Each structure stands twice: as C-alpha cells, then as structure tokens.
C-alpha atoms as a PDB file:
ATOM      1  CA  MET A   1       0.000   0.000   0.000  1.00  0.00           C
ATOM      2  CA  ASP A   2       1.334   3.444  -0.963  1.00  0.00           C
ATOM      3  CA  ALA A   3       0.450   6.811   0.535  1.00  0.00           C
ATOM      4  CA  TYR A   4      -0.124  10.064  -1.334  1.00  0.00           C
ATOM      5  CA  LEU A   5      -0.598  13.697  -0.437  1.00  0.00           C
ATOM      6  CA  ILE A   6      -3.487  14.867  -2.617  1.00  0.00           C
ATOM      7  CA  CYS A   7      -5.366  18.032  -3.423  1.00  0.00           C
ATOM      8  CA  PRO A   8      -8.912  17.062  -4.486  1.00  0.00           C
ATOM      9  CA  GLU A   9      -9.549  20.574  -5.866  1.00  0.00           C
ATOM     10  CA  THR A  10      -6.607  20.655  -8.305  1.00  0.00           C
ATOM     11  CA  ARG A  11      -6.422  16.868  -8.795  1.00  0.00           C
ATOM     12  CA  LYS A  12      -2.677  16.797  -8.039  1.00  0.00           C
ATOM     13  CA  SER A  13      -0.926  14.133  -5.988  1.00  0.00           C
ATOM     14  CA  LEU A  14       2.502  13.628  -4.464  1.00  0.00           C
ATOM     15  CA  TRP A  15       3.638  10.083  -3.754  1.00  0.00           C
ATOM     16  CA  LEU A  16       4.855   9.884  -0.152  1.00  0.00           C
ATOM     17  CA  GLY A  17       5.868   6.229  -0.252  1.00  0.00           C
ATOM     18  CA  LYS A  18       5.052   3.251   1.903  1.00  0.00           C
ATOM     19  CA  PRO A  19       3.659   3.981   5.350  1.00  0.00           C
ATOM     20  CA  ILE A  20       5.964   2.639   8.060  1.00  0.00           C
ATOM     21  CA  ARG A  21       3.802   1.747  11.030  1.00  0.00           C
ATOM     22  CA  SER A  22       4.304   0.769  14.642  1.00  0.00           C
ATOM     23  CA  ASP A  23       2.157  -0.367  17.522  1.00  0.00           C
ATOM     24  CA  GLU A  24       1.494   2.077  20.319  1.00  0.00           C
ATOM     25  CA  LYS A  25       1.391   1.157  24.015  1.00  0.00           C
ATOM     26  CA  ASP A  26      -2.405   1.369  23.960  1.00  0.00           C
ATOM     27  CA  GLY A  27      -2.547  -1.294  21.228  1.00  0.00           C
ATOM     28  CA  THR A  28      -3.355   1.056  18.355  1.00  0.00           C
ATOM     29  CA  GLU A  29      -1.276   1.197  15.202  1.00  0.00           C
ATOM     30  CA  ARG A  30      -0.014   4.490  13.801  1.00  0.00           C
ATOM     31  CA  THR A  31       1.978   5.642  10.820  1.00  0.00           C
ATOM     32  CA  ARG A  32       5.401   6.789  12.008  1.00  0.00           C
ATOM     33  CA  TYR A  33       6.724   8.040   8.635  1.00  0.00           C
ATOM     34  CA  TYR A  34       6.681   7.357   4.891  1.00  0.00           C
ATOM     35  CA  HIS A  35       9.508   5.850   2.869  1.00  0.00           C
ATOM     36  CA  ARG A  36       9.868   6.165  -0.939  1.00  0.00           C
ATOM     37  CA  SER A  37      13.046   4.123  -1.386  1.00  0.00           C
ATOM     38  CA  SER A  38      14.103   0.535  -0.914  1.00  0.00           C
ATOM     39  CA  SER A  39      15.131  -0.376   2.599  1.00  0.00           C
ATOM     40  CA  GLU A  40      18.728   0.604   1.724  1.00  0.00           C
ATOM     41  CA  GLY A  41      17.708   3.915   0.153  1.00  0.00           C
ATOM     42  CA  PRO A  42      17.812   7.308   1.850  1.00  0.00           C
ATOM     43  CA  TRP A  43      15.036   8.362   4.205  1.00  0.00           C
ATOM     44  CA  ASN A  44      12.536  10.843   2.764  1.00  0.00           C
ATOM     45  CA  HIS A  45      13.731  13.606   5.087  1.00  0.00           C
ATOM     46  CA  GLU A  46      17.303  13.103   3.781  1.00  0.00           C
ATOM     47  CA  ARG A  47      16.307  13.658   0.134  1.00  0.00           C
ATOM     48  CA  GLU A  48      16.824  17.348  -0.654  1.00  0.00           C
ATOM     49  CA  LEU A  49      15.020  17.266  -4.007  1.00  0.00           C
ATOM     50  CA  LEU A  50      11.976  15.490  -2.542  1.00  0.00           C
ATOM     51  CA  ASN A  51      11.797  17.986   0.321  1.00  0.00           C
ATOM     52  CA  MET A  52      11.874  20.904  -2.100  1.00  0.00           C
ATOM     53  CA  VAL A  53       9.033  19.294  -4.089  1.00  0.00           C
ATOM     54  CA  LEU A  54       7.007  18.854  -0.903  1.00  0.00           C
ATOM     55  CA  TRP A  55       7.490  22.509   0.093  1.00  0.00           C
ATOM     56  CA  LYS A  56       6.559  23.711  -3.405  1.00  0.00           C
ATOM     57  CA  PHE A  57       3.503  21.442  -3.414  1.00  0.00           C
ATOM     58  CA  LEU A  58       2.434  22.963  -0.086  1.00  0.00           C
ATOM     59  CA  SER A  59       3.017  26.485  -1.429  1.00  0.00           C
ATOM     60  CA  ASP A  60       1.149  25.781  -4.657  1.00  0.00           C
ATOM     61  CA  HIS A  61      -1.821  24.463  -2.696  1.00  0.00           C
ATOM     62  CA  ALA A  62      -2.007  27.041   0.083  1.00  0.00           C
ATOM     63  CA  ARG A  63      -5.577  27.554   1.314  1.00  0.00           C
ATOM     64  CA  LYS A  64      -6.701  24.352  -0.347  1.00  0.00           C
ATOM     65  CA  ASP A  65      -7.709  21.175   1.421  1.00  0.00           C
ATOM     66  CA  LEU A  66      -4.950  18.551   1.356  1.00  0.00           C
ATOM     67  CA  ARG A  67      -5.319  14.936   2.426  1.00  0.00           C
ATOM     68  CA  VAL A  68      -3.028  11.989   2.984  1.00  0.00           C
ATOM     69  CA  VAL A  69      -4.656   8.921   1.432  1.00  0.00           C
ATOM     70  CA  PHE A  70      -3.684   5.392   0.548  1.00  0.00           C
ATOM     71  CA  SER A  71      -3.719   3.808  -2.888  1.00  0.00           C
ATOM     72  CA  GLY A  72      -7.197   2.538  -3.553  1.00  0.00           C
ATOM     73  CA  ASP A  73      -8.771   5.318  -1.458  1.00  0.00           C
ATOM     74  CA  PHE A  74      -8.878   7.759  -4.395  1.00  0.00           C
ATOM     75  CA  ASP A  75      -9.131   7.541  -8.178  1.00  0.00           C
ATOM     76  CA  GLU A  76      -5.449   7.752  -9.126  1.00  0.00           C
ATOM     77  CA  ASP A  77      -6.299   7.928 -12.827  1.00  0.00           C
ATOM     78  CA  VAL A  78      -7.835  11.408 -12.508  1.00  0.00           C
ATOM     79  CA  TYR A  79      -4.909  12.858 -10.509  1.00  0.00           C
ATOM     80  CA  GLU A  80      -1.694  14.238 -11.961  1.00  0.00           C
ATOM     81  CA  GLU A  81       1.201  12.837  -9.966  1.00  0.00           C
ATOM     82  CA  ILE A  82       3.914  15.381  -9.189  1.00  0.00           C
ATOM     83  CA  GLY A  83       7.534  14.291  -9.004  1.00  0.00           C
ATOM     84  CA  SER A  84       7.576  10.526  -9.048  1.00  0.00           C
ATOM     85  CA  GLU A  85      11.069  10.514 -10.634  1.00  0.00           C
ATOM     86  CA  ASP A  86      14.063  12.842 -10.130  1.00  0.00           C
ATOM     87  CA  PHE A  87      13.783  14.385 -13.620  1.00  0.00           C
ATOM     88  CA  GLU A  88      10.073  15.109 -13.019  1.00  0.00           C
ATOM     89  CA  MET A  89      10.903  16.687  -9.664  1.00  0.00           C
ATOM     90  CA  ARG A  90      13.478  18.959 -11.300  1.00  0.00           C
ATOM     91  CA  ALA A  91      10.941  19.973 -13.959  1.00  0.00           C
ATOM     92  CA  TYR A  92       8.325  20.711 -11.286  1.00  0.00           C
ATOM     93  CA  LEU A  93      10.829  22.884  -9.400  1.00  0.00           C
ATOM     94  CA  GLN A  94      11.967  24.830 -12.487  1.00  0.00           C
ATOM     95  CA  GLY A  95      12.286  28.503 -11.484  1.00  0.00           C
ATOM     96  CA  TRP A  96      11.176  27.882  -7.886  1.00  0.00           C
ATOM     97  CA  PRO A  97      11.446  29.546  -5.409  1.00  0.00           C
ATOM     98  CA  GLU A  98      12.910  32.542  -7.198  1.00  0.00           C
ATOM     99  CA  GLY A  99      10.195  33.053  -9.804  1.00  0.00           C
END
C-alpha cells in the first residue's frame, strides 16, 4: 500500500511512499513516517530534491484542502502525480522559489 498527499480541488498528488507503522502502548497502530526508497535507500527527510518538491507542493496548494490517502482510497487515474522521478521533480521545481 502506498500513501499520497493529494489536493482534491486541483487533482494533483505527491507520492509519499510506503507507510511505516508501529504499535502504540495502547494497542493502536499508527503511521510513524513514509519511505519512498528501498530499505537501503535514503530516508525521505534526507532527500533534498523530494523535500523541495514537498514545500513547493504545499506552497502551490495554500488555502486548499490537502489529504493523505492510501492507494485505492482515491481515483489515481484522474490525478496528476507530481515528481515521481528525479527528472520530473526537477521539472516541477523549475524557477522555484525565485520566480
């Protein structure tokens, strides 16, 4: 199962990765973080390009409702995915934040 940050109004999505979960002391399960790489790959917070894409996505969607959803919980075919590959992330960031 993959997780996405989506904007239903603009129909844009950002792949967050696989939810990494843990059990809490009260017996509930919670998502601790998301991971886009293989287990040997860098953590999301260590990926400079991904972090820039996330901040631009947040800026582009200011004052809009954003949701974190799992694959299957939204119609992925009607959403434009932002930055699934490095070259797409660079294209999305073109001229940002300067212009």
